[in-house]
Protein backbone atom coordinates (compact mmCIF):
# COMPACT_ATOMS: atom_id res chain seq x y z
CA MET A 1 22.22 2.85 15.09
CA SER A 2 20.32 1.50 12.48
CA ARG A 3 20.51 1.54 8.94
CA HIS A 4 16.84 2.88 8.66
CA LEU A 5 17.41 5.51 11.52
CA ILE A 6 20.85 6.31 9.86
CA LEU A 7 18.86 7.03 6.73
CA LEU A 8 16.40 9.40 7.92
CA SER A 9 19.28 11.34 9.78
CA VAL A 10 20.56 11.85 6.43
CA LEU A 11 17.72 12.93 5.40
CA SER A 12 16.42 15.24 7.78
CA ILE A 13 19.25 17.73 6.97
CA THR A 14 17.73 19.26 3.98
CA LEU A 15 14.69 20.37 3.27
CA ASN A 16 14.81 19.08 -0.35
CA SER A 17 12.83 16.09 -0.86
CA CYS A 18 14.76 13.61 -1.04
CA ALA A 19 17.25 14.58 -4.30
CA GLN A 20 19.71 17.59 -5.59
CA SER A 21 20.56 17.41 -9.13
CA ASN A 22 22.59 20.77 -10.54
CA SER A 23 20.99 20.09 -14.26
CA GLU A 24 19.12 22.57 -15.11
CA ASN A 25 17.96 21.40 -18.58
CA ASP A 26 14.22 19.92 -18.85
CA ILE A 27 13.30 16.85 -20.42
CA ILE A 28 10.02 17.50 -23.74
CA VAL A 29 8.09 14.52 -23.54
CA ASP A 30 5.55 14.27 -26.79
CA SER A 31 4.14 11.68 -28.48
CA ASN A 32 7.07 12.29 -31.39
CA THR A 33 9.74 12.33 -28.52
CA ALA A 34 11.49 8.85 -28.54
CA LEU A 35 12.18 7.71 -24.74
CA PRO A 36 15.38 5.71 -23.47
CA SER A 37 13.29 1.99 -22.94
CA PRO A 38 15.22 -0.51 -20.05
CA LYS A 39 18.07 -1.89 -21.27
CA THR A 40 16.80 -5.35 -22.11
CA ARG A 41 12.99 -7.18 -21.04
CA GLU A 42 15.26 -9.25 -18.96
CA GLU A 43 16.72 -6.78 -17.02
CA THR A 44 14.18 -4.70 -16.28
CA GLU A 45 11.95 -8.08 -15.40
CA ASN A 46 14.84 -9.21 -12.51
CA ASN A 47 14.66 -6.00 -10.85
CA LEU A 48 10.61 -6.77 -10.60
CA GLU A 49 11.37 -9.67 -9.07
CA VAL A 50 13.20 -8.96 -6.98
CA TYR A 51 11.13 -6.22 -5.88
CA GLU A 52 8.42 -9.36 -5.94
CA GLU A 53 9.54 -11.47 -2.85
CA GLU A 54 9.90 -8.47 -0.87
CA GLU A 55 6.87 -6.78 -1.68
CA TYR A 56 3.95 -8.63 -4.01
CA VAL A 57 3.02 -10.43 -0.89
CA PHE A 58 -0.01 -8.46 -0.52
CA ASP A 59 -2.76 -8.77 -3.22
CA PHE A 60 -3.61 -5.75 -4.97
CA SER A 61 -5.98 -6.86 -7.51
CA PRO A 62 -8.59 -6.00 -5.78
CA TYR A 63 -8.11 -3.19 -6.18
CA HIS A 64 -7.13 -2.54 -10.04
CA ILE A 65 -4.38 -1.96 -8.79
CA GLN A 66 -1.73 -2.94 -11.72
CA THR A 67 2.02 -4.28 -10.55
CA HIS A 68 3.79 -5.12 -13.59
CA PRO A 69 4.19 -3.22 -16.78
CA ASP A 70 1.95 -4.62 -19.60
CA SER A 71 5.39 -6.77 -20.87
CA SER A 72 3.84 -6.55 -25.07
CA ILE A 73 4.19 -2.85 -25.66
CA SER A 74 7.37 -0.72 -24.87
CA TYR A 75 7.13 2.47 -22.68
CA GLN A 76 7.59 4.67 -25.32
CA THR A 77 3.90 3.06 -26.94
CA VAL A 78 2.07 3.63 -23.82
CA LEU A 79 3.28 7.11 -23.49
CA ASN A 80 1.91 7.96 -26.99
CA HIS A 81 -1.20 6.07 -26.45
CA LEU A 82 -2.14 8.65 -23.38
CA SER A 83 -1.30 11.89 -25.70
CA ALA A 84 -3.49 10.52 -28.74
CA LYS A 85 -6.06 9.76 -25.65
CA ARG A 86 -5.89 12.98 -24.34
CA ASN A 87 -6.01 14.27 -27.49
CA ASP A 88 -9.00 12.36 -28.21
CA LEU A 89 -10.42 14.20 -25.28
CA VAL A 90 -10.12 18.03 -26.04
CA GLN A 91 -11.20 17.21 -29.26
CA SER A 92 -14.59 14.41 -27.78
CA GLY A 93 -17.08 17.83 -27.43
CA LEU A 94 -16.72 17.60 -24.22
CA THR A 95 -17.40 21.07 -21.92
CA GLY A 96 -17.36 21.70 -17.92
CA ASP A 97 -17.03 19.28 -14.74
CA SER A 98 -17.78 16.18 -17.59
CA LEU A 99 -14.05 17.13 -18.98
CA TYR A 100 -12.47 17.20 -16.70
CA GLU A 101 -13.83 14.37 -14.38
CA GLN A 102 -12.87 12.39 -17.48
CA ALA A 103 -9.36 13.94 -18.21
CA GLY A 104 -8.88 13.23 -14.37
CA HIS A 105 -10.38 8.87 -14.74
CA LEU A 106 -7.75 8.97 -17.43
CA PHE A 107 -4.11 10.61 -16.08
CA THR A 108 -4.77 8.83 -12.79
CA GLU A 109 -5.56 5.92 -14.50
CA SER A 110 -2.09 5.88 -17.15
CA LEU A 111 0.00 7.16 -14.41
CA ILE A 112 -1.32 4.09 -11.80
CA ASN A 113 -1.62 1.08 -13.91
CA GLN A 114 0.16 2.74 -17.41
CA ILE A 115 2.83 3.90 -16.41
CA ILE A 116 4.20 3.69 -12.43
CA PRO A 117 4.24 0.41 -13.14
CA TYR A 118 7.09 -0.29 -15.28
CA TRP A 119 8.61 2.37 -12.11
CA TYR A 120 8.52 -0.77 -9.82
CA GLY A 121 12.06 -1.75 -8.47
CA THR A 122 14.14 0.43 -9.96
CA LYS A 123 16.44 1.43 -6.98
CA TRP A 124 16.35 4.91 -5.07
CA ASP A 125 19.31 6.63 -4.22
CA PHE A 126 19.55 10.02 -3.09
CA GLU A 127 21.02 11.73 -6.31
CA GLY A 128 19.12 9.36 -8.26
CA HIS A 129 17.69 11.42 -11.02
CA THR A 130 17.54 8.55 -13.56
CA ASN A 131 14.92 9.43 -16.98
CA THR A 132 15.06 5.68 -17.46
CA PRO A 133 12.17 3.51 -15.26
CA GLY A 134 14.39 0.58 -14.08
CA GLU A 135 17.95 1.78 -15.28
CA GLY A 136 19.42 3.63 -12.51
CA GLN A 137 18.74 5.11 -9.57
CA VAL A 138 15.28 7.69 -8.07
CA ALA A 139 14.99 9.89 -5.23
CA CYS A 140 11.62 10.16 -4.02
CA GLY A 141 11.37 13.85 -5.91
CA TYR A 142 12.42 12.59 -8.98
CA PHE A 143 9.91 9.72 -9.56
CA VAL A 144 6.94 12.06 -8.58
CA SER A 145 8.28 14.56 -10.82
CA THR A 146 9.63 12.44 -14.11
CA THR A 147 6.35 10.58 -13.97
CA LEU A 148 4.21 13.25 -13.79
CA ARG A 149 6.28 15.02 -16.87
CA HIS A 150 6.64 10.91 -18.30
CA ALA A 151 2.37 11.84 -18.10
CA GLN A 152 2.95 14.92 -20.44
CA ILE A 153 2.36 17.23 -17.06
CA GLN A 154 4.78 20.53 -18.67
CA ILE A 155 6.44 21.14 -16.03
CA ASN A 156 10.47 21.02 -15.18
CA ARG A 157 11.24 17.62 -13.20
CA TYR A 158 14.25 18.57 -11.93
CA ARG A 159 13.66 22.10 -10.02
CA LEU A 160 9.89 20.55 -9.29
CA ALA A 161 12.12 17.95 -7.67
CA GLN A 162 14.28 19.76 -5.68
CA GLN A 163 11.67 21.00 -3.43
CA HIS A 164 10.31 20.71 0.01
CA GLY A 165 7.03 19.06 -0.24
CA LEU A 166 4.75 21.88 0.22
CA ASN A 167 6.42 24.27 -2.09
CA GLU A 168 5.92 20.80 -5.07
CA ALA A 169 1.87 20.12 -3.41
CA LYS A 170 1.69 24.63 -4.79
CA SER A 171 3.10 23.88 -7.25
CA LEU A 172 0.47 21.22 -8.65
CA GLN A 173 -2.68 22.89 -7.12
CA PRO A 174 -3.43 25.90 -6.04
CA GLU A 175 -2.12 26.75 -1.87
CA GLU A 176 -5.94 27.45 -0.57
CA LYS A 177 -6.89 23.90 -1.46
CA LEU A 178 -4.33 22.32 -0.13
CA ILE A 179 -4.82 19.44 2.61
CA ASP A 180 -2.33 19.89 5.50
CA LEU A 181 -2.07 17.64 8.25
CA ASN A 182 0.64 18.33 10.92
CA SER A 183 0.23 15.99 13.86
CA GLU A 184 2.92 18.08 15.74
CA GLU A 185 0.13 20.74 16.17
CA GLY A 186 -2.54 18.32 17.48
CA ASN A 187 -4.87 18.29 14.81
CA TRP A 188 -4.64 14.67 14.76
CA GLY A 189 -3.93 11.61 16.96
CA PRO A 190 -3.04 8.19 16.83
CA VAL A 191 -2.60 6.54 13.38
CA GLU A 192 -6.04 5.22 13.36
CA GLU A 193 -7.60 8.37 13.31
CA ILE A 194 -4.85 10.02 10.69
CA VAL A 195 -6.25 6.74 8.34
CA ASP A 196 -10.25 7.63 9.06
CA SER A 197 -9.73 11.24 8.24
CA LEU A 198 -7.83 10.27 4.23
CA SER A 199 -10.30 7.87 4.21
CA ARG A 200 -12.44 10.51 3.95
CA LEU A 201 -11.14 12.13 1.03
CA PRO A 202 -12.21 11.26 -2.38
CA GLU A 203 -11.21 8.54 -4.08
CA GLY A 204 -8.81 8.90 -6.92
CA LEU A 205 -4.57 9.64 -6.56
CA TYR A 206 -2.96 12.54 -4.33
CA PHE A 207 0.19 14.31 -4.21
CA VAL A 208 1.36 13.87 -0.85
CA GLY A 209 4.31 15.83 0.80
CA LEU A 210 6.23 15.05 4.15
CA ASP A 211 8.78 16.73 6.36
CA ASN A 212 11.83 14.44 4.78
CA HIS A 213 10.31 12.40 1.97
CA VAL A 214 7.33 12.52 -1.94
CA GLY A 215 5.42 10.11 -2.96
CA TYR A 216 1.87 10.00 -4.01
CA LEU A 217 -1.28 8.66 -2.11
CA LEU A 218 -3.76 6.26 -3.57
CA HIS A 219 -7.31 6.13 -1.89
CA ARG A 220 -9.41 3.84 -4.04
CA GLU A 221 -11.72 1.18 -3.35
CA LYS A 222 -11.85 2.04 0.48
CA GLY A 223 -8.01 0.75 0.05
CA LEU A 224 -5.25 3.64 0.62
CA PHE A 225 -2.01 2.58 -0.94
CA PHE A 226 1.32 4.80 -0.72
CA LEU A 227 3.35 4.83 -4.01
CA HIS A 228 7.53 6.01 -4.45
CA SER A 229 10.46 5.47 -4.35
CA SER A 230 11.38 4.58 -0.70
CA TYR A 231 14.82 5.14 0.90
CA MET A 232 13.60 1.82 3.72
CA ASP A 233 13.92 -1.42 2.20
CA PRO A 234 13.13 -2.66 -0.05
CA VAL A 235 14.87 0.93 -1.02
CA ALA A 236 13.35 1.06 -4.80
CA VAL A 237 10.06 1.92 -5.96
CA VAL A 238 7.36 0.61 -4.01
CA ILE A 239 3.19 -0.09 -3.81
CA GLU A 240 2.42 -0.15 0.06
CA PRO A 241 -0.64 -0.53 1.81
CA LEU A 242 -0.63 2.56 3.97
CA ASN A 243 -0.35 0.66 6.86
CA ASP A 244 2.07 -0.68 6.72
CA SER A 245 4.63 2.34 5.09
CA GLU A 246 7.45 2.64 7.29
CA ALA A 247 8.71 5.85 4.87
CA PHE A 248 4.70 7.60 5.40
CA TRP A 249 4.32 6.94 8.89
CA ALA A 250 8.23 8.71 9.65
CA SER A 251 6.26 11.93 9.35
CA ASN A 252 4.65 14.88 11.69
CA ARG A 253 3.47 16.46 8.98
CA TRP A 254 1.61 15.19 5.24
CA VAL A 255 0.68 17.73 2.50
CA LEU A 256 -1.61 16.72 -0.34
CA ALA A 257 -2.17 18.18 -3.14
CA ASP A 258 -5.21 16.41 -5.46
CA ILE A 259 -4.60 14.90 -8.55
CA THR A 260 -7.74 13.37 -9.83
CA HIS A 261 -9.64 15.70 -9.22
CA ASN A 262 -7.52 18.79 -9.81
CA ARG A 263 -9.14 21.67 -12.57
CA PHE A 264 -6.34 23.37 -12.36
CA LEU A 265 -3.99 20.44 -12.91
CA MET A 266 -5.95 18.57 -15.48
CA GLU A 267 -6.83 21.94 -17.47
CA LYS A 268 -2.75 22.15 -17.54
CA TRP A 269 -2.70 19.33 -18.80
CA LEU A 270 -5.58 19.01 -22.02
CA LYS A 271 -3.94 22.36 -22.52
CA GLN A 272 -0.62 21.63 -22.78
CA GLU A 273 0.82 24.90 -20.88
CA THR A 274 3.49 25.27 -18.91
CA ILE A 275 3.34 24.62 -15.00
CA SER A 276 5.91 26.92 -13.12
CA VAL A 277 7.27 25.69 -9.98
CA VAL A 278 6.55 27.53 -6.45
CA ARG A 279 9.95 28.04 -4.97
């Protein structure tokens, strides 16, 4: 049996999204809270170099996607800058649709091009729940919950990561607004039809819960990408074109929660209100 099939067999025994932890303690991230940085810049770059050799054949630059962190500033500085920009937006005087449109854009760009690049190359492990990019291991659920938490979404990263993908999606967006694609019910045919349907979604960032895996779906510049902590090669946090993602297509169900255009989530973020995890 191949290593991929063994991993899939292990994953199929649980309804939880790739990770468990005994800890019930939440982290609090704000502009005054110092997060540990990777041990050294050299160690982080070594992780990224390994990832680059295996995954960076695809050119992401035409899609305005950053795949390396800004070496001139620390991870904590990036988080502090986002907090300051969020506060500026709150005080800008914008209201209604204009406010939430700007919030969605700011949140998406900060997460995709400033926060997540630090995580590329961080190793996957089923039990991984590191709070520090480039150090230790991170399971798929913890990759999502920790990056959301570091982007100042007020949610318990442990509890969110331990839920099935459907409940994670319900935690981030009202259930009636979720997009549920289920091939087992005959709603979807060949891969090309699924890709075509996803391509019709508004461009932006989405949380996506699969049968036994979770990650982010990014629709940008007519391209579709899957960002996740992968249990398949290179067994690390990656971004990959959707058509090339074995992990994405190993599922029969995809539940999507909008992030960019999600007024519920953006209102919670702007007001720094706690989001309850659906169990």
